[in-house]
């Protein structure tokens, strides 16, 4: 099994793997500490992940046509 391709996503599985890793990371960090500063940083990382998911989805769709 290969790891997800971050720079060159090839399938929906790459996107799902990145989203799963982000959700797991966020859950673990919030279980360890629930400080406001950490929550704000996770929001910024979450926005970056959402932007990457949109970019990756458009890139995969662009290749399929």
Protein backbone atom coordinates (compact mmCIF):
# COMPACT_ATOMS: atom_id res chain seq x y z
CA UNK A 1 0.00 0.00 0.00
CA UNK A 2 1.36 3.39 -0.92
CA UNK A 3 1.14 6.58 1.08
CA UNK A 4 -0.94 9.50 -0.13
CA UNK A 5 0.53 11.75 -2.78
CA UNK A 6 0.36 15.27 -1.40
CA UNK A 7 1.91 17.22 -4.29
CA UNK A 8 0.46 15.09 -7.05
CA UNK A 9 -2.85 13.54 -5.91
CA UNK A 10 -3.92 10.69 -8.16
CA UNK A 11 -7.21 9.50 -6.66
CA UNK A 12 -9.93 10.12 -4.15
CA UNK A 13 -8.06 7.85 -1.73
CA UNK A 14 -5.27 10.41 -1.47
CA UNK A 15 -7.78 13.05 -0.42
CA UNK A 16 -9.49 10.74 2.06
CA UNK A 17 -6.16 9.71 3.61
CA UNK A 18 -5.16 13.34 4.16
CA UNK A 19 -8.55 14.19 5.65
CA UNK A 20 -8.43 11.17 7.95
CA UNK A 21 -4.92 12.08 9.11
CA UNK A 22 -6.03 15.64 9.83
CA UNK A 23 -9.10 14.54 11.80
CA UNK A 24 -7.01 12.07 13.81
CA UNK A 25 -4.37 14.72 14.52
CA UNK A 26 -6.99 17.24 15.60
CA UNK A 27 -8.69 14.70 17.88
CA UNK A 28 -5.43 13.72 19.55
CA UNK A 29 -4.29 17.31 20.06
CA UNK A 30 -7.62 18.34 21.54
CA UNK A 31 -7.62 15.34 23.86
CA UNK A 32 -4.18 16.26 25.18
CA UNK A 33 -4.78 19.99 25.48
CA UNK A 34 -7.84 22.12 24.94
CA UNK A 35 -6.26 25.57 25.12
CA UNK A 36 -7.66 28.43 23.05
CA UNK A 37 -4.37 29.05 21.23
CA UNK A 38 -4.20 25.42 20.14
CA UNK A 39 -7.78 25.57 18.89
CA UNK A 40 -7.00 28.68 16.84
CA UNK A 41 -3.98 26.99 15.29
CA UNK A 42 -6.08 23.94 14.41
CA UNK A 43 -8.59 26.20 12.67
CA UNK A 44 -5.78 27.66 10.53
CA UNK A 45 -4.49 24.16 9.71
CA UNK A 46 -8.06 23.06 8.95
CA UNK A 47 -8.50 25.91 6.48
CA UNK A 48 -5.24 24.91 4.78
CA UNK A 49 -6.44 21.31 4.55
CA UNK A 50 -9.77 22.40 3.03
CA UNK A 51 -7.97 24.54 0.45
CA UNK A 52 -5.71 21.58 -0.39
CA UNK A 53 -8.73 19.26 -0.74
CA UNK A 54 -10.41 21.65 -3.16
CA UNK A 55 -7.19 21.99 -5.16
CA UNK A 56 -6.60 18.23 -5.20
CA UNK A 57 -10.20 17.51 -6.23
CA UNK A 58 -10.01 19.97 -9.11
CA UNK A 59 -6.65 18.52 -10.18
CA UNK A 60 -8.02 14.97 -10.20
CA UNK A 61 -11.14 16.04 -12.09
CA UNK A 62 -9.03 17.99 -14.59
CA UNK A 63 -6.99 14.87 -15.35
CA UNK A 64 -10.06 12.72 -15.85
CA UNK A 65 -11.43 14.88 -18.67
